[in-house]
PDB file of N, CA and C in Angstrom:
ATOM      1  N   MET A   1      77.741 -58.608-219.615  1.00  0.00           N
ATOM      2  CA  MET A   1      77.595 -59.636-218.113  1.00  0.00           C
ATOM      3  C   MET A   1      76.701 -59.013-217.471  1.00  0.00           C
ATOM      4  N   GLY A   2      76.186 -60.125-216.449  1.00  0.00           N
ATOM      5  CA  GLY A   2      74.908 -59.665-215.691  1.00  0.00           C
ATOM      6  C   GLY A   2      75.263 -58.784-214.503  1.00  0.00           C
ATOM      7  N   ASP A   3      74.237 -58.330-214.098  1.00  0.00           N
ATOM      8  CA  ASP A   3      74.695 -57.733-212.430  1.00  0.00           C
ATOM      9  C   ASP A   3      74.847 -58.627-211.459  1.00  0.00           C
ATOM     10  N   VAL A   4      75.244 -58.633-210.607  1.00  0.00           N
ATOM     11  CA  VAL A   4      75.674 -59.119-209.152  1.00  0.00           C
ATOM     12  C   VAL A   4      75.094 -58.718-208.270  1.00  0.00           C
ATOM     13  N   VAL A   5      73.918 -59.664-207.763  1.00  0.00           N
ATOM     14  CA  VAL A   5      72.840 -59.774-206.673  1.00  0.00           C
ATOM     15  C   VAL A   5      73.274 -60.276-205.475  1.00  0.00           C
ATOM     16  N   LYS A   6      73.261 -59.437-204.526  1.00  0.00           N
ATOM     17  CA  LYS A   6      73.533 -60.094-203.040  1.00  0.00           C
ATOM     18  C   LYS A   6      72.425 -60.428-202.421  1.00  0.00           C
ATOM     19  N   PHE A   7      72.623 -61.518-201.897  1.00  0.00           N
ATOM     20  CA  PHE A   7      71.541 -62.527-201.164  1.00  0.00           C
ATOM     21  C   PHE A   7      71.535 -62.082-199.881  1.00  0.00           C
ATOM     22  N   ARG A   8      70.756 -62.052-199.055  1.00  0.00           N
ATOM     23  CA  ARG A   8      70.724 -61.671-197.696  1.00  0.00           C
ATOM     24  C   ARG A   8      69.600 -62.480-196.920  1.00  0.00           C
ATOM     25  N   LYS A   9      70.277 -63.201-195.696  1.00  0.00           N
ATOM     26  CA  LYS A   9      69.411 -64.198-194.917  1.00  0.00           C
ATOM     27  C   LYS A   9      68.746 -63.084-194.371  1.00  0.00           C
ATOM     28  N   GLN A  10      67.266 -63.598-194.304  1.00  0.00           N
ATOM     29  CA  GLN A  10      66.286 -63.021-193.568  1.00  0.00           C
ATOM     30  C   GLN A  10      66.365 -63.361-192.119  1.00  0.00           C
ATOM     31  N   LYS A  11      65.964 -62.438-191.094  1.00  0.00           N
ATOM     32  CA  LYS A  11      65.763 -62.618-189.853  1.00  0.00           C
ATOM     33  C   LYS A  11      64.438 -63.348-189.474  1.00  0.00           C
ATOM     34  N   PRO A  12      64.304 -64.317-188.566  1.00  0.00           N
ATOM     35  CA  PRO A  12      63.257 -64.834-188.361  1.00  0.00           C
ATOM     36  C   PRO A  12      61.736 -63.753-188.237  1.00  0.00           C
ATOM     37  N   SER A  13      62.404 -62.801-187.648  1.00  0.00           N
ATOM     38  CA  SER A  13      61.298 -61.878-187.276  1.00  0.00           C
ATOM     39  C   SER A  13      60.861 -61.232-188.488  1.00  0.00           C
ATOM     40  N   GLU A  14      61.747 -60.835-189.531  1.00  0.00           N
ATOM     41  CA  GLU A  14      61.005 -60.299-190.684  1.00  0.00           C
ATOM     42  C   GLU A  14      60.368 -61.564-191.735  1.00  0.00           C
ATOM     43  N   LYS A  15      60.781 -62.739-191.602  1.00  0.00           N
ATOM     44  CA  LYS A  15      60.002 -63.990-192.350  1.00  0.00           C
ATOM     45  C   LYS A  15      58.646 -63.958-191.864  1.00  0.00           C
ATOM     46  N   HIS A  16      58.631 -64.157-190.850  1.00  0.00           N
ATOM     47  CA  HIS A  16      57.534 -64.509-189.862  1.00  0.00           C
ATOM     48  C   HIS A  16      56.349 -63.144-189.909  1.00  0.00           C
ATOM     49  N   LYS A  17      56.935 -62.244-190.459  1.00  0.00           N
ATOM     50  CA  LYS A  17      56.188 -60.884-189.918  1.00  0.00           C
ATOM     51  C   LYS A  17      54.412 -60.880-190.344  1.00  0.00           C
ATOM     52  N   GLY A  18      53.688 -60.778-189.328  1.00  0.00           N
ATOM     53  CA  GLY A  18      52.087 -60.780-189.566  1.00  0.00           C
ATOM     54  C   GLY A  18      51.784 -61.922-189.727  1.00  0.00           C
ATOM     55  N   LYS A  19      52.339 -63.262-189.617  1.00  0.00           N
ATOM     56  CA  LYS A  19      51.773 -64.348-189.822  1.00  0.00           C
ATOM     57  C   LYS A  19      51.498 -64.957-188.381  1.00  0.00           C
ATOM     58  N   THR A  20      52.094 -64.542-187.369  1.00  0.00           N
ATOM     59  CA  THR A  20      51.999 -65.020-185.821  1.00  0.00           C
ATOM     60  C   THR A  20      50.608 -64.525-185.159  1.00  0.00           C
ATOM     61  N   LEU A  21      50.213 -63.472-185.566  1.00  0.00           N
ATOM     62  CA  LEU A  21      48.647 -63.060-185.545  1.00  0.00           C
ATOM     63  C   LEU A  21      47.564 -64.084-186.024  1.00  0.00           C
ATOM     64  N   CYS A  22      48.132 -64.546-187.253  1.00  0.00           N
ATOM     65  CA  CYS A  22      46.736 -65.442-188.022  1.00  0.00           C
ATOM     66  C   CYS A  22      47.102 -66.589-187.315  1.00  0.00           C
ATOM     67  N   LYS A  23      48.243 -67.282-187.116  1.00  0.00           N
ATOM     68  CA  LYS A  23      48.016 -68.446-186.402  1.00  0.00           C
ATOM     69  C   LYS A  23      47.497 -68.631-185.298  1.00  0.00           C
ATOM     70  N   SER A  24      47.579 -67.377-184.539  1.00  0.00           N
ATOM     71  CA  SER A  24      46.612 -67.534-183.199  1.00  0.00           C
ATOM     72  C   SER A  24      45.258 -67.311-183.523  1.00  0.00           C
ATOM     73  N   GLY A  25      44.769 -66.799-184.625  1.00  0.00           N
ATOM     74  CA  GLY A  25      43.563 -66.798-184.731  1.00  0.00           C
ATOM     75  C   GLY A  25      42.652 -65.434-184.766  1.00  0.00           C
ATOM     76  N   PHE A  26      43.900 -64.397-185.013  1.00  0.00           N
ATOM     77  CA  PHE A  26      43.494 -62.869-185.005  1.00  0.00           C
ATOM     78  C   PHE A  26      43.994 -62.449-186.610  1.00  0.00           C
ATOM     79  N   HIS A  27      42.982 -62.768-187.352  1.00  0.00           N
ATOM     80  CA  HIS A  27      43.022 -62.792-188.847  1.00  0.00           C
ATOM     81  C   HIS A  27      42.631 -61.163-189.246  1.00  0.00           C
ATOM     82  N   LYS A  28      43.025 -60.283-189.976  1.00  0.00           N
ATOM     83  CA  LYS A  28      42.751 -59.103-190.408  1.00  0.00           C
ATOM     84  C   LYS A  28      41.835 -58.867-191.801  1.00  0.00           C
ATOM     85  N   TRP A  29      40.473 -59.369-191.399  1.00  0.00           N
ATOM     86  CA  TRP A  29      39.412 -59.450-192.148  1.00  0.00           C
ATOM     87  C   TRP A  29      39.121 -58.107-193.312  1.00  0.00           C
ATOM     88  N   ILE A  30      39.260 -58.447-194.759  1.00  0.00           N
ATOM     89  CA  ILE A  30      38.766 -57.177-195.342  1.00  0.00           C
ATOM     90  C   ILE A  30      38.084 -57.881-196.640  1.00  0.00           C
ATOM     91  N   ILE A  31      36.813 -56.899-196.560  1.00  0.00           N
ATOM     92  CA  ILE A  31      35.805 -57.596-197.520  1.00  0.00           C
ATOM     93  C   ILE A  31      36.335 -57.503-199.091  1.00  0.00           C
ATOM     94  N   GLU A  32      36.572 -58.609-200.076  1.00  0.00           N
ATOM     95  CA  GLU A  32      36.916 -58.787-200.925  1.00  0.00           C
ATOM     96  C   GLU A  32      35.710 -58.886-202.147  1.00  0.00           C
ATOM     97  N   GLN A  33      34.635 -59.394-201.584  1.00  0.00           N
ATOM     98  CA  GLN A  33      33.424 -59.266-202.461  1.00  0.00           C
ATOM     99  C   GLN A  33      32.065 -59.366-201.775  1.00  0.00           C
ATOM    100  N   GLU A  34      31.303 -58.561-202.102  1.00  0.00           N
ATOM    101  CA  GLU A  34      30.520 -58.349-201.234  1.00  0.00           C
ATOM    102  C   GLU A  34      29.035 -58.539-202.366  1.00  0.00           C
ATOM    103  N   LYS A  35      27.848 -58.879-201.260  1.00  0.00           N
ATOM    104  CA  LYS A  35      26.816 -59.243-202.068  1.00  0.00           C
ATOM    105  C   LYS A  35      26.778 -60.236-203.334  1.00  0.00           C
ATOM    106  N   GLN A  36      27.460 -61.494-203.037  1.00  0.00           N
ATOM    107  CA  GLN A  36      27.310 -62.557-204.360  1.00  0.00           C
ATOM    108  C   GLN A  36      26.399 -63.306-203.871  1.00  0.00           C
ATOM    109  N   PHE A  37      25.719 -63.772-204.716  1.00  0.00           N
ATOM    110  CA  PHE A  37      24.345 -64.807-204.729  1.00  0.00           C
ATOM    111  C   PHE A  37      25.046 -66.176-204.475  1.00  0.00           C
ATOM    112  N   ASP A  38      24.695 -66.887-203.318  1.00  0.00           N
ATOM    113  CA  ASP A  38      24.909 -68.397-203.626  1.00  0.00           C
ATOM    114  C   ASP A  38      23.830 -69.191-203.906  1.00  0.00           C
ATOM    115  N   VAL A  39      23.626 -69.908-205.155  1.00  0.00           N
ATOM    116  CA  VAL A  39      22.440 -70.833-205.515  1.00  0.00           C
ATOM    117  C   VAL A  39      22.059 -71.861-204.598  1.00  0.00           C
ATOM    118  N   LYS A  40      23.054 -72.560-204.073  1.00  0.00           N
ATOM    119  CA  LYS A  40      22.601 -73.778-203.222  1.00  0.00           C
ATOM    120  C   LYS A  40      22.094 -73.592-201.916  1.00  0.00           C
ATOM    121  N   GLN A  41      22.554 -72.574-201.263  1.00  0.00           N
ATOM    122  CA  GLN A  41      22.078 -71.629-200.011  1.00  0.00           C
ATOM    123  C   GLN A  41      21.086 -70.892-200.179  1.00  0.00           C
ATOM    124  N   GLY A  42      20.733 -70.435-201.306  1.00  0.00           N
ATOM    125  CA  GLY A  42      19.638 -69.430-201.417  1.00  0.00           C
ATOM    126  C   GLY A  42      19.890 -67.960-200.841  1.00  0.00           C
ATOM    127  N   LYS A  43      21.053 -67.530-200.432  1.00  0.00           N
ATOM    128  CA  LYS A  43      21.460 -66.299-199.723  1.00  0.00           C
ATOM    129  C   LYS A  43      22.486 -65.837-200.572  1.00  0.00           C
ATOM    130  N   LEU A  44      22.644 -64.355-200.023  1.00  0.00           N
ATOM    131  CA  LEU A  44      23.855 -63.522-200.243  1.00  0.00           C
ATOM    132  C   LEU A  44      25.060 -63.866-199.198  1.00  0.00           C
ATOM    133  N   VAL A  45      26.094 -63.987-200.174  1.00  0.00           N
ATOM    134  CA  VAL A  45      27.269 -64.237-199.507  1.00  0.00           C
ATOM    135  C   VAL A  45      28.104 -63.109-199.619  1.00  0.00           C
ATOM    136  N   THR A  46      29.115 -63.021-198.486  1.00  0.00           N
ATOM    137  CA  THR A  46      30.174 -61.743-198.560  1.00  0.00           C
ATOM    138  C   THR A  46      31.529 -62.860-198.241  1.00  0.00           C
ATOM    139  N   VAL A  47      32.298 -62.320-199.139  1.00  0.00           N
ATOM    140  CA  VAL A  47      33.685 -63.008-199.253  1.00  0.00           C
ATOM    141  C   VAL A  47      34.995 -62.109-198.240  1.00  0.00           C
ATOM    142  N   TYR A  48      35.327 -62.738-197.667  1.00  0.00           N
ATOM    143  CA  TYR A  48      36.208 -61.950-196.802  1.00  0.00           C
ATOM    144  C   TYR A  48      37.596 -62.660-197.009  1.00  0.00           C
ATOM    145  N   GLN A  49      38.514 -61.770-196.854  1.00  0.00           N
ATOM    146  CA  GLN A  49      39.919 -62.288-197.104  1.00  0.00           C
ATOM    147  C   GLN A  49      41.160 -61.486-196.002  1.00  0.00           C
ATOM    148  N   CYS A  50      41.829 -62.256-195.625  1.00  0.00           N
ATOM    149  CA  CYS A  50      42.860 -62.021-194.768  1.00  0.00           C
ATOM    150  C   CYS A  50      43.807 -61.030-195.368  1.00  0.00           C
ATOM    151  N   GLN A  51      44.090 -60.063-194.642  1.00  0.00           N
ATOM    152  CA  GLN A  51      45.162 -59.052-195.579  1.00  0.00           C
ATOM    153  C   GLN A  51      46.484 -59.569-195.123  1.00  0.00           C
ATOM    154  N   ARG A  52      46.597 -60.251-194.190  1.00  0.00           N
ATOM    155  CA  ARG A  52      48.037 -60.717-194.094  1.00  0.00           C
ATOM    156  C   ARG A  52      48.583 -62.019-194.771  1.00  0.00           C
ATOM    157  N   CYS A  53      47.557 -62.931-194.381  1.00  0.00           N
ATOM    158  CA  CYS A  53      48.082 -64.533-194.794  1.00  0.00           C
ATOM    159  C   CYS A  53      46.983 -64.752-196.188  1.00  0.00           C
ATOM    160  N   GLY A  54      46.154 -64.055-196.464  1.00  0.00           N
ATOM    161  CA  GLY A  54      45.498 -64.350-197.819  1.00  0.00           C
ATOM    162  C   GLY A  54      44.511 -65.293-197.614  1.00  0.00           C
ATOM    163  N   GLU A  55      44.035 -66.093-196.403  1.00  0.00           N
ATOM    164  CA  GLU A  55      42.864 -66.971-195.819  1.00  0.00           C
ATOM    165  C   GLU A  55      41.716 -66.172-196.491  1.00  0.00           C
ATOM    166  N   LYS A  56      40.979 -66.996-197.123  1.00  0.00           N
ATOM    167  CA  LYS A  56      39.386 -66.584-197.146  1.00  0.00           C
ATOM    168  C   LYS A  56      38.352 -67.334-196.373  1.00  0.00           C
ATOM    169  N   LYS A  57      37.658 -66.792-196.361  1.00  0.00           N
ATOM    170  CA  LYS A  57      36.184 -67.019-195.402  1.00  0.00           C
ATOM    171  C   LYS A  57      34.935 -66.377-196.143  1.00  0.00           C
ATOM    172  N   THR A  58      33.675 -67.039-196.007  1.00  0.00           N
ATOM    173  CA  THR A  58      32.626 -66.631-196.558  1.00  0.00           C
ATOM    174  C   THR A  58      31.597 -66.582-195.584  1.00  0.00           C
ATOM    175  N   GLU A  59      30.787 -65.788-195.591  1.00  0.00           N
ATOM    176  CA  GLU A  59      29.683 -65.500-194.438  1.00  0.00           C
ATOM    177  C   GLU A  59      28.312 -65.189-195.196  1.00  0.00           C
ATOM    178  N   ALA A  60      27.375 -66.057-195.011  1.00  0.00           N
ATOM    179  CA  ALA A  60      25.962 -66.112-195.654  1.00  0.00           C
ATOM    180  C   ALA A  60      25.252 -65.068-194.596  1.00  0.00           C
ATOM    181  N   ARG A  61      24.475 -64.454-195.313  1.00  0.00           N
ATOM    182  CA  ARG A  61      23.531 -63.358-194.596  1.00  0.00           C
ATOM    183  C   ARG A  61      22.353 -63.809-194.916  1.00  0.00           C
TER     184      ARG A  61
END
């Protein structure tokens, strides 16, 4: 026989923890890849990823 798993419904505060800031535009950016060369732009590019929601952005230097 298998183990019995109890399912617990998450509270809305637990379900959306950390995402409400990102929806308001307050991301927590961390550097994912630094000094990557973009051939089309001819510049060095830094790739940032939000630690909370996982959204990515690039910044040319």
